């Protein structure tokens, strides 16, 4: 899962995408998810993580910049891992109700 396709060069777009999803939910991150994102960006990707200064990005822009479905899938997996760290999971953050539309908007699921 972490990270076979996403590399340091992808960290800026990843940060923008995660920050955009978090802004959309309107729910602040608790300490544990904040720490997890810090580990992901600083330790795994060797990159900066500053959601406050991240410029918003749409799912379509992510799709255009990452034509590889594996990168978009890793973004969804990172978002799902954030949800697992929330206790309790705020209703606005629950991906179970948004995972289908999010997959579709990021075009992770290939329909033939």
Protein backbone atom coordinates (compact mmCIF):
# COMPACT_ATOMS: atom_id res chain seq x y z
CA UNK A 1 0.00 0.00 0.00
CA UNK A 2 2.41 2.75 1.11
CA UNK A 3 3.75 3.66 -1.43
CA UNK A 4 4.46 1.50 -4.41
CA UNK A 5 3.46 4.11 -6.99
CA UNK A 6 3.52 7.46 -5.18
CA UNK A 7 6.97 8.96 -4.80
CA UNK A 8 8.45 12.18 -3.45
CA UNK A 9 7.80 13.89 -6.78
CA UNK A 10 4.07 13.23 -6.25
CA UNK A 11 3.97 14.63 -2.71
CA UNK A 12 2.79 18.13 -3.66
CA UNK A 13 -0.26 16.89 -5.54
CA UNK A 14 -0.93 14.30 -2.83
CA UNK A 15 -0.84 17.02 -0.15
CA UNK A 16 -3.16 19.21 -2.20
CA UNK A 17 -5.60 16.34 -2.76
CA UNK A 18 -5.68 15.31 0.91
CA UNK A 19 -6.07 18.92 2.05
CA UNK A 20 -8.91 19.44 -0.45
CA UNK A 21 -10.78 16.37 0.83
CA UNK A 22 -10.28 17.48 4.44
CA UNK A 23 -11.57 20.97 3.66
CA UNK A 24 -14.59 19.45 1.91
CA UNK A 25 -15.47 17.40 4.99
CA UNK A 26 -15.27 20.45 7.24
CA UNK A 27 -14.06 18.31 10.14
CA UNK A 28 -10.78 19.14 11.88
CA UNK A 29 -8.22 16.36 12.20
CA UNK A 30 -7.55 14.96 15.63
CA UNK A 31 -4.00 14.44 16.90
CA UNK A 32 -3.56 10.86 15.68
CA UNK A 33 -4.53 11.46 12.03
CA UNK A 34 -2.39 14.62 12.04
CA UNK A 35 0.54 12.58 13.30
CA UNK A 36 -0.11 9.89 10.67
CA UNK A 37 -0.04 12.46 7.85
CA UNK A 38 3.15 13.91 9.28
CA UNK A 39 4.76 10.45 9.22
CA UNK A 40 3.53 9.79 5.68
CA UNK A 41 4.83 13.05 4.29
CA UNK A 42 7.98 13.59 6.36
CA UNK A 43 9.18 10.03 6.83
CA UNK A 44 7.87 8.08 3.84
CA UNK A 45 7.83 10.74 1.12
CA UNK A 46 10.50 13.05 2.58
CA UNK A 47 8.25 16.02 1.83
CA UNK A 48 6.55 18.91 3.59
CA UNK A 49 2.95 18.71 4.79
CA UNK A 50 1.16 22.00 5.34
CA UNK A 51 -2.56 21.61 4.66
CA UNK A 52 -3.28 25.25 5.46
CA UNK A 53 -1.17 26.47 2.55
CA UNK A 54 -2.13 23.73 0.09
CA UNK A 55 -3.94 25.02 -2.97
CA UNK A 56 -7.21 23.12 -3.56
CA UNK A 57 -7.32 20.55 -6.35
CA UNK A 58 -10.31 18.80 -7.90
CA UNK A 59 -10.57 15.05 -8.47
CA UNK A 60 -10.50 15.69 -12.22
CA UNK A 61 -7.20 17.59 -11.89
CA UNK A 62 -5.80 14.64 -9.92
CA UNK A 63 -7.00 12.31 -12.67
CA UNK A 64 -5.33 14.46 -15.33
CA UNK A 65 -2.02 14.73 -13.46
CA UNK A 66 -1.96 11.05 -12.46
CA UNK A 67 -3.09 9.01 -15.44
CA UNK A 68 -1.98 5.89 -13.56
CA UNK A 69 -4.89 4.42 -11.60
CA UNK A 70 -2.44 3.00 -9.05
CA UNK A 71 -1.48 6.49 -7.84
CA UNK A 72 -5.13 7.51 -7.45
CA UNK A 73 -5.89 4.26 -5.66
CA UNK A 74 -3.07 4.93 -3.18
CA UNK A 75 -4.64 8.35 -2.51
CA UNK A 76 -7.96 6.65 -1.71
CA UNK A 77 -6.14 4.13 0.52
CA UNK A 78 -4.44 6.98 2.40
CA UNK A 79 -7.82 8.66 2.93
CA UNK A 80 -9.29 5.36 4.16
CA UNK A 81 -6.39 4.97 6.61
CA UNK A 82 -7.16 8.45 7.98
CA UNK A 83 -10.75 7.43 8.55
CA UNK A 84 -9.63 4.35 10.47
CA UNK A 85 -7.63 6.57 12.85
CA UNK A 86 -10.61 8.76 13.76
CA UNK A 87 -12.42 7.77 16.92
CA UNK A 88 -15.31 8.21 16.59
CA UNK A 89 -15.53 8.75 12.85
CA UNK A 90 -17.35 12.05 12.23
CA UNK A 91 -20.34 11.46 9.91
CA UNK A 92 -19.08 14.11 7.47
CA UNK A 93 -15.80 12.20 7.11
CA UNK A 94 -17.23 8.74 6.55
CA UNK A 95 -15.83 7.50 3.27
CA UNK A 96 -18.24 4.57 3.13
CA UNK A 97 -20.88 6.94 1.82
CA UNK A 98 -18.41 8.79 -0.40
CA UNK A 99 -16.00 6.05 -1.52
CA UNK A 100 -18.04 5.13 -4.59
CA UNK A 101 -18.40 8.71 -5.82
CA UNK A 102 -14.78 9.45 -4.89
CA UNK A 103 -13.55 6.39 -6.81
CA UNK A 104 -15.68 7.45 -9.76
CA UNK A 105 -14.47 11.06 -9.66
CA UNK A 106 -10.84 9.92 -9.45
CA UNK A 107 -11.55 7.22 -12.05
CA UNK A 108 -9.87 4.54 -9.99
CA UNK A 109 -12.42 1.91 -10.91
CA UNK A 110 -12.05 0.88 -14.55
CA UNK A 111 -15.38 0.14 -16.16
CA UNK A 112 -15.26 -1.58 -19.52
